[in-house]
Amino acid sequence: MFKELLGKRYDAYLDFIRQQMIKDQIEARGVKDPRVLAAMRKVCRHCFVTEDMVSRAYEDYPLPLARGQTISQPYIVALMSELARLSGTERVLEIGTGSGYQTAVLAELAAEVDTIEIFPDLAQAAAARLAGLGCSNVTYRTGDGAGGWPERAPYDAILVTCAAPEVPAALAAQLKPGGRLVVPVGSAQQELRLLTLTSSGLLQRSVCAVNFVPLLTEAR
């Protein structure tokens, strides 16, 4: 209905509100990395939501997906991407492919992206969607992401798009020296944490309060 009403102006309208999203929701809240901002401008969030959610694609909220999952709010996607501090040469691991939106942003920022999704139907849909958008530097795996992808480690950065009860030790162990792990931690109350592997060990700091779906494992 929304698309039919706007006709030929549909794509132009979506592009306009995407640019407004960058200005009002992301830049205004302190995200400054020009590469992250460029990636957020390029990646169409409306391409990753259901048809009935297209009109809300650029609102500052998470939106529902199948299997009780969500697509993260744009600001959080941009913030986590900035915390990863990517220059374009890195290999990144993402835990929780979901719709593929964060994956697409990372694909713009890194040389290689490995992504793991526990639900096969979400993984297949995301892979098809990303292939259709021309993302050719993404490798997919279906299964439990809590253990990471040890045979392809170490990683320059690891982003977790679901909340773990505590920092997953297996993921921290798969960082390169200087690597960054960005992960929501907690259950009823969650905080986004940034961990950096230094010569003295893991340096950890709390970034902000967040609200993510829980990290699921095959044991659950």
Protein backbone atom coordinates (compact mmCIF):
# COMPACT_ATOMS: atom_id res chain seq x y z
CA MET A 1 0.00 0.00 0.00
CA PHE A 2 2.71 2.46 1.05
CA LYS A 3 4.74 1.78 -2.10
CA GLU A 4 1.72 2.07 -4.39
CA LEU A 5 0.67 5.39 -2.88
CA LEU A 6 4.06 6.97 -3.47
CA GLY A 7 4.58 5.47 -6.91
CA LYS A 8 7.82 6.62 -8.57
CA ARG A 9 8.68 8.75 -5.55
CA TYR A 10 8.93 5.70 -3.31
CA ASP A 11 12.69 5.11 -3.62
CA ALA A 12 13.45 8.82 -3.44
CA TYR A 13 11.37 9.13 -0.29
CA LEU A 14 13.12 6.20 1.39
CA ASP A 15 16.50 7.63 0.46
CA PHE A 16 15.50 11.01 1.89
CA ILE A 17 14.40 9.61 5.24
CA ARG A 18 17.55 7.44 5.39
CA GLN A 19 19.68 10.58 5.08
CA GLN A 20 17.57 12.27 7.77
CA MET A 21 18.10 9.24 9.98
CA ILE A 22 21.88 9.65 9.67
CA LYS A 23 21.67 13.32 10.62
CA ASP A 24 19.07 13.15 13.40
CA GLN A 25 19.61 9.75 15.00
CA ILE A 26 23.28 8.98 14.46
CA GLU A 27 25.44 12.06 13.90
CA ALA A 28 23.45 14.05 16.47
CA ARG A 29 24.18 11.37 19.07
CA GLY A 30 27.94 11.43 18.60
CA VAL A 31 28.87 8.87 15.94
CA LYS A 32 31.64 10.56 13.98
CA ASP A 33 33.54 7.90 12.01
CA PRO A 34 33.12 8.99 8.36
CA ARG A 35 33.36 5.42 7.08
CA VAL A 36 30.58 4.28 9.41
CA LEU A 37 28.39 7.20 8.39
CA ALA A 38 29.01 6.44 4.71
CA ALA A 39 28.09 2.78 5.23
CA MET A 40 24.90 3.72 7.06
CA ARG A 41 23.99 6.07 4.20
CA LYS A 42 24.57 3.34 1.63
CA VAL A 43 22.89 0.34 3.26
CA CYS A 44 19.12 0.38 2.87
CA ARG A 45 17.55 -0.69 6.16
CA HIS A 46 14.19 -1.02 4.45
CA CYS A 47 15.69 -3.87 2.41
CA PHE A 48 16.00 -5.92 5.62
CA VAL A 49 12.52 -5.56 7.13
CA THR A 50 9.20 -7.17 6.30
CA GLU A 51 6.93 -5.40 3.81
CA ASP A 52 4.59 -4.17 6.53
CA MET A 53 7.54 -2.55 8.37
CA VAL A 54 9.00 -0.60 5.42
CA SER A 55 7.32 2.65 6.43
CA ARG A 56 9.01 2.35 9.85
CA ALA A 57 12.41 1.23 8.60
CA TYR A 58 14.21 4.46 9.49
CA GLU A 59 12.66 5.04 12.91
CA ASP A 60 14.99 4.92 15.90
CA TYR A 61 13.73 1.57 17.17
CA PRO A 62 14.43 -2.13 16.74
CA LEU A 63 11.85 -3.85 14.54
CA PRO A 64 10.52 -7.42 14.75
CA LEU A 65 11.75 -10.32 12.66
CA ALA A 66 10.71 -13.96 12.52
CA ARG A 67 11.64 -16.34 15.35
CA GLY A 68 11.20 -13.63 17.97
CA GLN A 69 14.33 -11.83 16.76
CA THR A 70 14.77 -8.14 15.97
CA ILE A 71 16.65 -5.85 13.63
CA SER A 72 18.63 -3.44 15.82
CA GLN A 73 17.88 0.27 15.90
CA PRO A 74 20.04 2.25 13.46
CA TYR A 75 21.92 4.18 16.15
CA ILE A 76 23.04 0.97 17.89
CA VAL A 77 24.18 -0.54 14.57
CA ALA A 78 26.24 2.59 13.88
CA LEU A 79 27.60 2.75 17.44
CA MET A 80 28.71 -0.88 17.49
CA SER A 81 30.29 -0.48 14.06
CA GLU A 82 32.21 2.59 15.24
CA LEU A 83 33.40 0.79 18.37
CA ALA A 84 34.89 -1.92 16.16
CA ARG A 85 37.27 0.72 14.71
CA LEU A 86 37.52 -0.75 11.21
CA SER A 87 39.76 0.72 8.54
CA GLY A 88 38.83 -1.65 5.70
CA THR A 89 41.55 -4.32 5.96
CA GLU A 90 40.14 -6.39 8.80
CA ARG A 91 38.43 -9.73 9.22
CA VAL A 92 35.37 -9.50 11.45
CA LEU A 93 33.13 -12.07 13.12
CA GLU A 94 29.45 -11.32 13.72
CA ILE A 95 27.39 -13.43 16.12
CA GLY A 96 23.70 -13.27 15.18
CA THR A 97 23.17 -12.61 11.46
CA GLY A 98 19.45 -11.97 11.93
CA SER A 99 18.13 -9.96 8.99
CA GLY A 100 21.64 -9.27 7.70
CA TYR A 101 21.46 -5.48 8.25
CA GLN A 102 24.43 -5.22 10.62
CA THR A 103 26.23 -7.74 8.38
CA ALA A 104 25.77 -5.47 5.36
CA VAL A 105 27.15 -2.47 7.25
CA LEU A 106 30.17 -4.50 8.37
CA ALA A 107 30.69 -5.70 4.78
CA GLU A 108 31.11 -2.05 3.79
CA LEU A 109 33.67 -1.47 6.54
CA ALA A 110 35.84 -4.61 6.61
CA ALA A 111 37.70 -6.78 4.12
CA GLU A 112 35.99 -10.00 5.27
CA VAL A 113 32.96 -10.72 7.42
CA ASP A 114 32.16 -14.11 8.95
CA THR A 115 28.65 -14.34 10.37
CA ILE A 116 26.88 -17.03 12.40
CA GLU A 117 23.11 -17.45 12.83
CA ILE A 118 21.45 -20.16 14.92
CA PHE A 119 18.18 -20.24 12.93
CA PRO A 120 18.63 -21.83 9.47
CA ASP A 121 15.67 -20.00 7.90
CA LEU A 122 16.96 -16.59 9.03
CA ALA A 123 20.48 -17.48 7.87
CA GLN A 124 19.27 -18.53 4.41
CA ALA A 125 17.08 -15.46 3.99
CA ALA A 126 19.89 -13.12 5.06
CA ALA A 127 22.39 -14.78 2.72
CA ALA A 128 20.00 -14.45 -0.23
CA ARG A 129 19.23 -10.83 0.64
CA LEU A 130 22.90 -9.88 0.99
CA ALA A 131 23.83 -11.66 -2.25
CA GLY A 132 21.10 -9.69 -4.00
CA LEU A 133 22.63 -6.47 -2.68
CA GLY A 134 26.08 -7.43 -3.96
CA CYS A 135 27.78 -8.31 -0.66
CA SER A 136 30.50 -10.68 -1.83
CA ASN A 137 32.87 -10.58 1.17
CA VAL A 138 30.62 -12.41 3.65
CA THR A 139 31.00 -16.05 4.75
CA TYR A 140 28.02 -17.70 6.47
CA ARG A 141 27.64 -20.37 9.09
CA THR A 142 24.48 -21.77 10.69
CA GLY A 143 24.69 -22.91 14.30
CA ASP A 144 25.58 -21.89 17.83
CA GLY A 145 27.56 -18.66 17.81
CA ALA A 146 28.59 -18.68 21.47
CA GLY A 147 31.72 -20.65 20.62
CA GLY A 148 32.68 -18.39 17.74
CA TRP A 149 34.42 -19.75 14.65
CA PRO A 150 37.77 -21.03 16.00
CA GLU A 151 39.03 -22.52 12.74
CA ARG A 152 38.85 -19.06 11.13
CA ALA A 153 40.14 -17.12 14.13
CA PRO A 154 41.81 -14.87 15.15
CA TYR A 155 39.70 -11.81 14.36
CA ASP A 156 40.38 -8.09 14.32
CA ALA A 157 36.88 -7.48 15.71
CA ILE A 158 33.91 -9.50 16.92
CA LEU A 159 30.40 -8.03 17.18
CA VAL A 160 27.63 -9.82 19.06
CA THR A 161 24.09 -8.74 18.18
CA CYS A 162 22.38 -10.56 21.06
CA ALA A 163 22.87 -10.32 24.81
CA ALA A 164 25.06 -12.82 26.63
CA PRO A 165 24.68 -13.39 30.39
CA GLU A 166 28.41 -12.76 30.67
CA VAL A 167 31.25 -12.04 28.26
CA PRO A 168 31.69 -15.25 26.19
CA ALA A 169 35.20 -16.45 26.96
CA ALA A 170 35.41 -18.38 23.68
CA LEU A 171 34.87 -15.17 21.70
CA ALA A 172 37.40 -13.16 23.69
CA ALA A 173 39.93 -15.95 23.03
CA GLN A 174 39.47 -15.51 19.26
CA LEU A 175 40.68 -11.91 19.13
CA LYS A 176 43.94 -10.84 17.55
CA PRO A 177 46.25 -8.68 19.69
CA GLY A 178 44.60 -5.27 19.65
CA GLY A 179 41.29 -6.85 18.58
CA ARG A 180 37.94 -5.53 19.79
CA LEU A 181 34.92 -7.45 21.10
CA VAL A 182 31.65 -5.49 21.16
CA VAL A 183 28.99 -7.37 23.12
CA PRO A 184 25.76 -6.68 25.03
CA VAL A 185 25.96 -8.30 28.48
CA GLY A 186 23.16 -8.98 30.95
CA SER A 187 19.59 -10.24 31.09
CA ALA A 188 16.94 -7.97 32.61
CA GLN A 189 19.44 -5.10 32.61
CA GLN A 190 21.98 -5.04 29.82
CA GLU A 191 24.99 -2.94 28.99
CA LEU A 192 27.01 -2.71 25.81
CA ARG A 193 30.66 -3.49 26.53
CA LEU A 194 33.82 -2.95 24.53
CA LEU A 195 36.71 -5.31 25.25
CA THR A 196 40.14 -4.76 23.71
CA LEU A 197 42.92 -7.35 23.81
CA THR A 198 46.07 -5.56 24.97
CA SER A 199 49.52 -6.81 25.93
CA SER A 200 48.34 -6.73 29.55
CA GLY A 201 45.15 -8.68 28.88
CA LEU A 202 41.57 -7.69 28.15
CA LEU A 203 40.73 -4.05 28.73
CA GLN A 204 36.97 -3.72 29.32
CA ARG A 205 34.66 -0.74 29.50
CA SER A 206 30.92 -0.20 29.66
CA VAL A 207 29.53 1.93 26.82
CA CYS A 208 25.78 2.34 27.43
CA ALA A 209 22.58 0.60 28.46
CA VAL A 210 20.99 -1.52 25.71
CA ASN A 211 18.15 -3.97 25.14
CA PHE A 212 18.90 -6.98 22.92
CA VAL A 213 17.28 -10.38 22.45
CA PRO A 214 19.20 -13.08 24.34
CA LEU A 215 22.09 -15.04 22.88
CA LEU A 216 20.69 -18.50 22.13
CA THR A 217 22.76 -21.66 22.20
CA GLU A 218 22.04 -25.14 20.92
CA ALA A 219 21.88 -26.37 24.52
CA ARG A 220 18.82 -24.14 25.04
